ModelCIF file with pLDDT and N, C-alpha, C, O atoms, coordinates in Angstrom:
data_MODEL
#
_entry.id   MODEL 
#
_entity.id                         1 
_entity.type                       polymer 
_entity.pdbx_number_of_molecules   1 
#
_entity_poly.entity_id                      1 
_entity_poly.type                           'polypeptide(L)' 
_entity_poly.nstd_linkage                   no 
_entity_poly.nstd_monomer                   no 
_entity_poly.pdbx_seq_one_letter_code       QRAGEIIDRADFPEPYDVLGMGAVWRIADVEE 
_entity_poly.pdbx_seq_one_letter_code_can   QRAGEIIDRADFPEPYDVLGMGAVWRIADVEE 
_entity_poly.pdbx_strand_id                 A 
#
loop_
_entity_poly_seq.entity_id 
_entity_poly_seq.num 
_entity_poly_seq.mon_id 
_entity_poly_seq.hetero 
1 1  GLN n 
1 2  ARG n 
1 3  ALA n 
1 4  GLY n 
1 5  GLU n 
1 6  ILE n 
1 7  ILE n 
1 8  ASP n 
1 9  ARG n 
1 10 ALA n 
1 11 ASP n 
1 12 PHE n 
1 13 PRO n 
1 14 GLU n 
1 15 PRO n 
1 16 TYR n 
1 17 ASP n 
1 18 VAL n 
1 19 LEU n 
1 20 GLY n 
1 21 MET n 
1 22 GLY n 
1 23 ALA n 
1 24 VAL n 
1 25 TRP n 
1 26 ARG n 
1 27 ILE n 
1 28 ALA n 
1 29 ASP n 
1 30 VAL n 
1 31 GLU n 
1 32 GLU n 
#
_struct_asym.id          A 
_struct_asym.entity_id   1 
#
loop_
_ma_qa_metric.id 
_ma_qa_metric.mode 
_ma_qa_metric.name 
_ma_qa_metric.software_group_id 
_ma_qa_metric.type 
1 global pLDDT . pLDDT 
2 local  pLDDT . pLDDT 
#
_ma_qa_metric_global.metric_id      1 
_ma_qa_metric_global.metric_value   96.88 
_ma_qa_metric_global.model_id       1 
_ma_qa_metric_global.ordinal_id     1 
#
loop_
_ma_qa_metric_local.label_asym_id 
_ma_qa_metric_local.label_comp_id 
_ma_qa_metric_local.label_seq_id 
_ma_qa_metric_local.metric_id 
_ma_qa_metric_local.metric_value 
_ma_qa_metric_local.model_id 
_ma_qa_metric_local.ordinal_id 
A GLN 1  2 97.00 1 1  
A ARG 2  2 98.00 1 2  
A ALA 3  2 98.00 1 3  
A GLY 4  2 97.00 1 4  
A GLU 5  2 98.00 1 5  
A ILE 6  2 98.00 1 6  
A ILE 7  2 98.00 1 7  
A ASP 8  2 98.00 1 8  
A ARG 9  2 97.00 1 9  
A ALA 10 2 97.00 1 10 
A ASP 11 2 97.00 1 11 
A PHE 12 2 98.00 1 12 
A PRO 13 2 98.00 1 13 
A GLU 14 2 98.00 1 14 
A PRO 15 2 98.00 1 15 
A TYR 16 2 97.00 1 16 
A ASP 17 2 97.00 1 17 
A VAL 18 2 97.00 1 18 
A LEU 19 2 95.00 1 19 
A GLY 20 2 94.00 1 20 
A MET 21 2 91.00 1 21 
A GLY 22 2 95.00 1 22 
A ALA 23 2 97.00 1 23 
A VAL 24 2 97.00 1 24 
A TRP 25 2 98.00 1 25 
A ARG 26 2 97.00 1 26 
A ILE 27 2 97.00 1 27 
A ALA 28 2 96.00 1 28 
A ASP 29 2 97.00 1 29 
A VAL 30 2 97.00 1 30 
A GLU 31 2 96.00 1 31 
A GLU 32 2 97.00 1 32 
#
loop_
_atom_site.group_PDB 
_atom_site.id 
_atom_site.type_symbol 
_atom_site.label_atom_id 
_atom_site.label_alt_id 
_atom_site.label_comp_id 
_atom_site.label_asym_id 
_atom_site.label_entity_id 
_atom_site.label_seq_id 
_atom_site.pdbx_PDB_ins_code 
_atom_site.Cartn_x 
_atom_site.Cartn_y 
_atom_site.Cartn_z 
_atom_site.occupancy 
_atom_site.B_iso_or_equiv 
_atom_site.pdbx_formal_charge 
_atom_site.auth_seq_id 
_atom_site.auth_comp_id 
_atom_site.auth_asym_id 
_atom_site.auth_atom_id 
_atom_site.pdbx_PDB_model_num 
ATOM 1   N N  . GLN A 1 1  ? -3.187 -11.208 -5.301  1.00 97.00 ? 1  GLN A N  1 
ATOM 2   C CA . GLN A 1 1  ? -4.614 -10.884 -5.287  1.00 97.00 ? 1  GLN A CA 1 
ATOM 3   C C  . GLN A 1 1  ? -5.070 -10.566 -3.862  1.00 97.00 ? 1  GLN A C  1 
ATOM 4   O O  . GLN A 1 1  ? -5.759 -9.572  -3.634  1.00 97.00 ? 1  GLN A O  1 
ATOM 5   N N  . ARG A 1 2  ? -4.685 -11.412 -2.908  1.00 98.00 ? 2  ARG A N  1 
ATOM 6   C CA . ARG A 1 2  ? -5.061 -11.170 -1.510  1.00 98.00 ? 2  ARG A CA 1 
ATOM 7   C C  . ARG A 1 2  ? -4.399 -9.905  -0.995  1.00 98.00 ? 2  ARG A C  1 
ATOM 8   O O  . ARG A 1 2  ? -5.010 -9.157  -0.232  1.00 98.00 ? 2  ARG A O  1 
ATOM 9   N N  . ALA A 1 3  ? -3.162 -9.649  -1.398  1.00 98.00 ? 3  ALA A N  1 
ATOM 10  C CA . ALA A 1 3  ? -2.492 -8.412  -0.994  1.00 98.00 ? 3  ALA A CA 1 
ATOM 11  C C  . ALA A 1 3  ? -3.290 -7.207  -1.481  1.00 98.00 ? 3  ALA A C  1 
ATOM 12  O O  . ALA A 1 3  ? -3.419 -6.218  -0.759  1.00 98.00 ? 3  ALA A O  1 
ATOM 13  N N  . GLY A 1 4  ? -3.823 -7.281  -2.690  1.00 97.00 ? 4  GLY A N  1 
ATOM 14  C CA . GLY A 1 4  ? -4.646 -6.191  -3.207  1.00 97.00 ? 4  GLY A CA 1 
ATOM 15  C C  . GLY A 1 4  ? -5.871 -5.943  -2.349  1.00 97.00 ? 4  GLY A C  1 
ATOM 16  O O  . GLY A 1 4  ? -6.254 -4.794  -2.129  1.00 97.00 ? 4  GLY A O  1 
ATOM 17  N N  . GLU A 1 5  ? -6.491 -7.016  -1.858  1.00 98.00 ? 5  GLU A N  1 
ATOM 18  C CA . GLU A 1 5  ? -7.646 -6.876  -0.970  1.00 98.00 ? 5  GLU A CA 1 
ATOM 19  C C  . GLU A 1 5  ? -7.243 -6.195  0.335   1.00 98.00 ? 5  GLU A C  1 
ATOM 20  O O  . GLU A 1 5  ? -7.967 -5.340  0.845   1.00 98.00 ? 5  GLU A O  1 
ATOM 21  N N  . ILE A 1 6  ? -6.088 -6.576  0.872   1.00 98.00 ? 6  ILE A N  1 
ATOM 22  C CA . ILE A 1 6  ? -5.604 -5.984  2.118   1.00 98.00 ? 6  ILE A CA 1 
ATOM 23  C C  . ILE A 1 6  ? -5.246 -4.517  1.901   1.00 98.00 ? 6  ILE A C  1 
ATOM 24  O O  . ILE A 1 6  ? -5.580 -3.668  2.726   1.00 98.00 ? 6  ILE A O  1 
ATOM 25  N N  . ILE A 1 7  ? -4.575 -4.220  0.804   1.00 98.00 ? 7  ILE A N  1 
ATOM 26  C CA . ILE A 1 7  ? -4.185 -2.845  0.483   1.00 98.00 ? 7  ILE A CA 1 
ATOM 27  C C  . ILE A 1 7  ? -5.402 -1.946  0.368   1.00 98.00 ? 7  ILE A C  1 
ATOM 28  O O  . ILE A 1 7  ? -5.328 -0.764  0.704   1.00 98.00 ? 7  ILE A O  1 
ATOM 29  N N  . ASP A 1 8  ? -6.526 -2.486  -0.101  1.00 98.00 ? 8  ASP A N  1 
ATOM 30  C CA . ASP A 1 8  ? -7.747 -1.702  -0.286  1.00 98.00 ? 8  ASP A CA 1 
ATOM 31  C C  . ASP A 1 8  ? -8.500 -1.445  1.017   1.00 98.00 ? 8  ASP A C  1 
ATOM 32  O O  . ASP A 1 8  ? -9.463 -0.678  1.029   1.00 98.00 ? 8  ASP A O  1 
ATOM 33  N N  . ARG A 1 9  ? -8.078 -2.072  2.108   1.00 97.00 ? 9  ARG A N  1 
ATOM 34  C CA . ARG A 1 9  ? -8.749 -1.849  3.388   1.00 97.00 ? 9  ARG A CA 1 
ATOM 35  C C  . ARG A 1 9  ? -8.567 -0.405  3.838   1.00 97.00 ? 9  ARG A C  1 
ATOM 36  O O  . ARG A 1 9  ? -7.539 0.219   3.575   1.00 97.00 ? 9  ARG A O  1 
ATOM 37  N N  . ALA A 1 10 ? -9.574 0.108   4.512   1.00 97.00 ? 10 ALA A N  1 
ATOM 38  C CA . ALA A 1 10 ? -9.529 1.497   4.989   1.00 97.00 ? 10 ALA A CA 1 
ATOM 39  C C  . ALA A 1 10 ? -8.411 1.729   5.997   1.00 97.00 ? 10 ALA A C  1 
ATOM 40  O O  . ALA A 1 10 ? -7.895 2.842   6.104   1.00 97.00 ? 10 ALA A O  1 
ATOM 41  N N  . ASP A 1 11 ? -8.029 0.678   6.746   1.00 97.00 ? 11 ASP A N  1 
ATOM 42  C CA . ASP A 1 11 ? -7.004 0.864   7.769   1.00 97.00 ? 11 ASP A CA 1 
ATOM 43  C C  . ASP A 1 11 ? -5.580 0.642   7.254   1.00 97.00 ? 11 ASP A C  1 
ATOM 44  O O  . ASP A 1 11 ? -4.620 0.804   8.007   1.00 97.00 ? 11 ASP A O  1 
ATOM 45  N N  . PHE A 1 12 ? -5.435 0.273   5.979   1.00 98.00 ? 12 PHE A N  1 
ATOM 46  C CA . PHE A 1 12 ? -4.088 0.087   5.424   1.00 98.00 ? 12 PHE A CA 1 
ATOM 47  C C  . PHE A 1 12 ? -3.515 1.458   5.071   1.00 98.00 ? 12 PHE A C  1 
ATOM 48  O O  . PHE A 1 12 ? -4.260 2.340   4.642   1.00 98.00 ? 12 PHE A O  1 
ATOM 49  N N  . PRO A 1 13 ? -2.205 1.655   5.243   1.00 98.00 ? 13 PRO A N  1 
ATOM 50  C CA . PRO A 1 13 ? -1.613 2.962   4.944   1.00 98.00 ? 13 PRO A CA 1 
ATOM 51  C C  . PRO A 1 13 ? -1.858 3.400   3.495   1.00 98.00 ? 13 PRO A C  1 
ATOM 52  O O  . PRO A 1 13 ? -1.940 2.579   2.581   1.00 98.00 ? 13 PRO A O  1 
ATOM 53  N N  . GLU A 1 14 ? -1.969 4.690   3.323   1.00 98.00 ? 14 GLU A N  1 
ATOM 54  C CA . GLU A 1 14 ? -2.074 5.258   1.983   1.00 98.00 ? 14 GLU A CA 1 
ATOM 55  C C  . GLU A 1 14 ? -0.736 5.070   1.261   1.00 98.00 ? 14 GLU A C  1 
ATOM 56  O O  . GLU A 1 14 ? 0.314  5.093   1.904   1.00 98.00 ? 14 GLU A O  1 
ATOM 57  N N  . PRO A 1 15 ? -0.758 4.887   -0.046  1.00 98.00 ? 15 PRO A N  1 
ATOM 58  C CA . PRO A 1 15 ? 0.511  4.770   -0.778  1.00 98.00 ? 15 PRO A CA 1 
ATOM 59  C C  . PRO A 1 15 ? 1.358  6.034   -0.615  1.00 98.00 ? 15 PRO A C  1 
ATOM 60  O O  . PRO A 1 15 ? 0.838  7.142   -0.485  1.00 98.00 ? 15 PRO A O  1 
ATOM 61  N N  . TYR A 1 16 ? 2.646  5.838   -0.625  1.00 97.00 ? 16 TYR A N  1 
ATOM 62  C CA . TYR A 1 16 ? 3.593  6.955   -0.603  1.00 97.00 ? 16 TYR A CA 1 
ATOM 63  C C  . TYR A 1 16 ? 3.546  7.696   -1.935  1.00 97.00 ? 16 TYR A C  1 
ATOM 64  O O  . TYR A 1 16 ? 3.602  8.925   -1.979  1.00 97.00 ? 16 TYR A O  1 
ATOM 65  N N  . ASP A 1 17 ? 3.442  6.930   -3.018  1.00 97.00 ? 17 ASP A N  1 
ATOM 66  C CA . ASP A 1 17 ? 3.409  7.501   -4.360  1.00 97.00 ? 17 ASP A CA 1 
ATOM 67  C C  . ASP A 1 17 ? 2.830  6.456   -5.310  1.00 97.00 ? 17 ASP A C  1 
ATOM 68  O O  . ASP A 1 17 ? 2.772  5.268   -4.990  1.00 97.00 ? 17 ASP A O  1 
ATOM 69  N N  . VAL A 1 18 ? 2.411  6.914   -6.467  1.00 97.00 ? 18 VAL A N  1 
ATOM 70  C CA . VAL A 1 18 ? 1.947  6.013   -7.516  1.00 97.00 ? 18 VAL A CA 1 
ATOM 71  C C  . VAL A 1 18 ? 2.841  6.241   -8.724  1.00 97.00 ? 18 VAL A C  1 
ATOM 72  O O  . VAL A 1 18 ? 2.903  7.343   -9.268  1.00 97.00 ? 18 VAL A O  1 
ATOM 73  N N  . LEU A 1 19 ? 3.533  5.182   -9.137  1.00 95.00 ? 19 LEU A N  1 
ATOM 74  C CA . LEU A 1 19 ? 4.466  5.233   -10.253 1.00 95.00 ? 19 LEU A CA 1 
ATOM 75  C C  . LEU A 1 19 ? 3.856  4.503   -11.444 1.00 95.00 ? 19 LEU A C  1 
ATOM 76  O O  . LEU A 1 19 ? 2.752  3.969   -11.343 1.00 95.00 ? 19 LEU A O  1 
ATOM 77  N N  . GLY A 1 20 ? 4.549  4.476   -12.546 1.00 94.00 ? 20 GLY A N  1 
ATOM 78  C CA . GLY A 1 20 ? 4.081  3.752   -13.716 1.00 94.00 ? 20 GLY A CA 1 
ATOM 79  C C  . GLY A 1 20 ? 3.846  2.278   -13.439 1.00 94.00 ? 20 GLY A C  1 
ATOM 80  O O  . GLY A 1 20 ? 2.960  1.666   -14.037 1.00 94.00 ? 20 GLY A O  1 
ATOM 81  N N  . MET A 1 21 ? 4.632  1.704   -12.537 1.00 91.00 ? 21 MET A N  1 
ATOM 82  C CA . MET A 1 21 ? 4.488  0.284   -12.202 1.00 91.00 ? 21 MET A CA 1 
ATOM 83  C C  . MET A 1 21 ? 3.427  0.050   -11.139 1.00 91.00 ? 21 MET A C  1 
ATOM 84  O O  . MET A 1 21 ? 3.115  -1.099  -10.829 1.00 91.00 ? 21 MET A O  1 
ATOM 85  N N  . GLY A 1 22 ? 2.871  1.101   -10.581 1.00 95.00 ? 22 GLY A N  1 
ATOM 86  C CA . GLY A 1 22 ? 1.830  0.980   -9.561  1.00 95.00 ? 22 GLY A CA 1 
ATOM 87  C C  . GLY A 1 22 ? 2.182  1.746   -8.300  1.00 95.00 ? 22 GLY A C  1 
ATOM 88  O O  . GLY A 1 22 ? 3.157  2.495   -8.250  1.00 95.00 ? 22 GLY A O  1 
ATOM 89  N N  . ALA A 1 23 ? 1.361  1.537   -7.285  1.00 97.00 ? 23 ALA A N  1 
ATOM 90  C CA . ALA A 1 23 ? 1.550  2.235   -6.012  1.00 97.00 ? 23 ALA A CA 1 
ATOM 91  C C  . ALA A 1 23 ? 2.727  1.650   -5.243  1.00 97.00 ? 23 ALA A C  1 
ATOM 92  O O  . ALA A 1 23 ? 3.064  0.474   -5.383  1.00 97.00 ? 23 ALA A O  1 
ATOM 93  N N  . VAL A 1 24 ? 3.340  2.499   -4.429  1.00 97.00 ? 24 VAL A N  1 
ATOM 94  C CA . VAL A 1 24 ? 4.413  2.083   -3.527  1.00 97.00 ? 24 VAL A CA 1 
ATOM 95  C C  . VAL A 1 24 ? 4.127  2.643   -2.139  1.00 97.00 ? 24 VAL A C  1 
ATOM 96  O O  . VAL A 1 24 ? 3.544  3.717   -1.991  1.00 97.00 ? 24 VAL A O  1 
ATOM 97  N N  . TRP A 1 25 ? 4.548  1.894   -1.131  1.00 98.00 ? 25 TRP A N  1 
ATOM 98  C CA . TRP A 1 25 ? 4.331  2.262   0.262   1.00 98.00 ? 25 TRP A CA 1 
ATOM 99  C C  . TRP A 1 25 ? 5.662  2.330   0.970   1.00 98.00 ? 25 TRP A C  1 
ATOM 100 O O  . TRP A 1 25 ? 6.594  1.605   0.620   1.00 98.00 ? 25 TRP A O  1 
ATOM 101 N N  . ARG A 1 26 ? 5.761  3.201   1.971   1.00 97.00 ? 26 ARG A N  1 
ATOM 102 C CA . ARG A 1 26 ? 6.949  3.219   2.817   1.00 97.00 ? 26 ARG A CA 1 
ATOM 103 C C  . ARG A 1 26 ? 6.972  1.937   3.639   1.00 97.00 ? 26 ARG A C  1 
ATOM 104 O O  . ARG A 1 26 ? 5.962  1.553   4.230   1.00 97.00 ? 26 ARG A O  1 
ATOM 105 N N  . ILE A 1 27 ? 8.108  1.287   3.676   1.00 97.00 ? 27 ILE A N  1 
ATOM 106 C CA . ILE A 1 27 ? 8.253  0.061   4.454   1.00 97.00 ? 27 ILE A CA 1 
ATOM 107 C C  . ILE A 1 27 ? 7.880  0.314   5.907   1.00 97.00 ? 27 ILE A C  1 
ATOM 108 O O  . ILE A 1 27 ? 7.192  -0.504  6.519   1.00 97.00 ? 27 ILE A O  1 
ATOM 109 N N  . ALA A 1 28 ? 8.319  1.424   6.460   1.00 96.00 ? 28 ALA A N  1 
ATOM 110 C CA . ALA A 1 28 ? 8.025  1.723   7.869   1.00 96.00 ? 28 ALA A CA 1 
ATOM 111 C C  . ALA A 1 28 ? 6.521  1.776   8.120   1.00 96.00 ? 28 ALA A C  1 
ATOM 112 O O  . ALA A 1 28 ? 6.056  1.300   9.155   1.00 96.00 ? 28 ALA A O  1 
ATOM 113 N N  . ASP A 1 29 ? 5.752  2.348   7.190   1.00 97.00 ? 29 ASP A N  1 
ATOM 114 C CA . ASP A 1 29 ? 4.294  2.430   7.349   1.00 97.00 ? 29 ASP A CA 1 
ATOM 115 C C  . ASP A 1 29 ? 3.666  1.043   7.303   1.00 97.00 ? 29 ASP A C  1 
ATOM 116 O O  . ASP A 1 29 ? 2.784  0.727   8.101   1.00 97.00 ? 29 ASP A O  1 
ATOM 117 N N  . VAL A 1 30 ? 4.122  0.217   6.367   1.00 97.00 ? 30 VAL A N  1 
ATOM 118 C CA . VAL A 1 30 ? 3.578  -1.137  6.241   1.00 97.00 ? 30 VAL A CA 1 
ATOM 119 C C  . VAL A 1 30 ? 3.953  -1.972  7.465   1.00 97.00 ? 30 VAL A C  1 
ATOM 120 O O  . VAL A 1 30 ? 3.120  -2.713  7.988   1.00 97.00 ? 30 VAL A O  1 
ATOM 121 N N  . GLU A 1 31 ? 5.193  -1.858  7.922   1.00 96.00 ? 31 GLU A N  1 
ATOM 122 C CA . GLU A 1 31 ? 5.621  -2.630  9.088   1.00 96.00 ? 31 GLU A CA 1 
ATOM 123 C C  . GLU A 1 31 ? 4.845  -2.215  10.335  1.00 96.00 ? 31 GLU A C  1 
ATOM 124 O O  . GLU A 1 31 ? 4.532  -3.063  11.171  1.00 96.00 ? 31 GLU A O  1 
ATOM 125 N N  . GLU A 1 32 ? 4.532  -0.945  10.474  1.00 97.00 ? 32 GLU A N  1 
ATOM 126 C CA . GLU A 1 32 ? 3.712  -0.488  11.605  1.00 97.00 ? 32 GLU A CA 1 
ATOM 127 C C  . GLU A 1 32 ? 2.315  -1.094  11.516  1.00 97.00 ? 32 GLU A C  1 
ATOM 128 O O  . GLU A 1 32 ? 1.473  -0.833  12.375  1.00 97.00 ? 32 GLU A O  1 
#
C-alpha cells in the first residue's frame, strides 16, 4: 500500500510498461 503511494508521486519514474499483472519499472530507474 505504501509502495503504491510512493509510485504515485510525481517524482517517481514512469512505468516501463503496463502488463496484465500491473505496471513494471526498470530496476535502473528505480535504483536511481
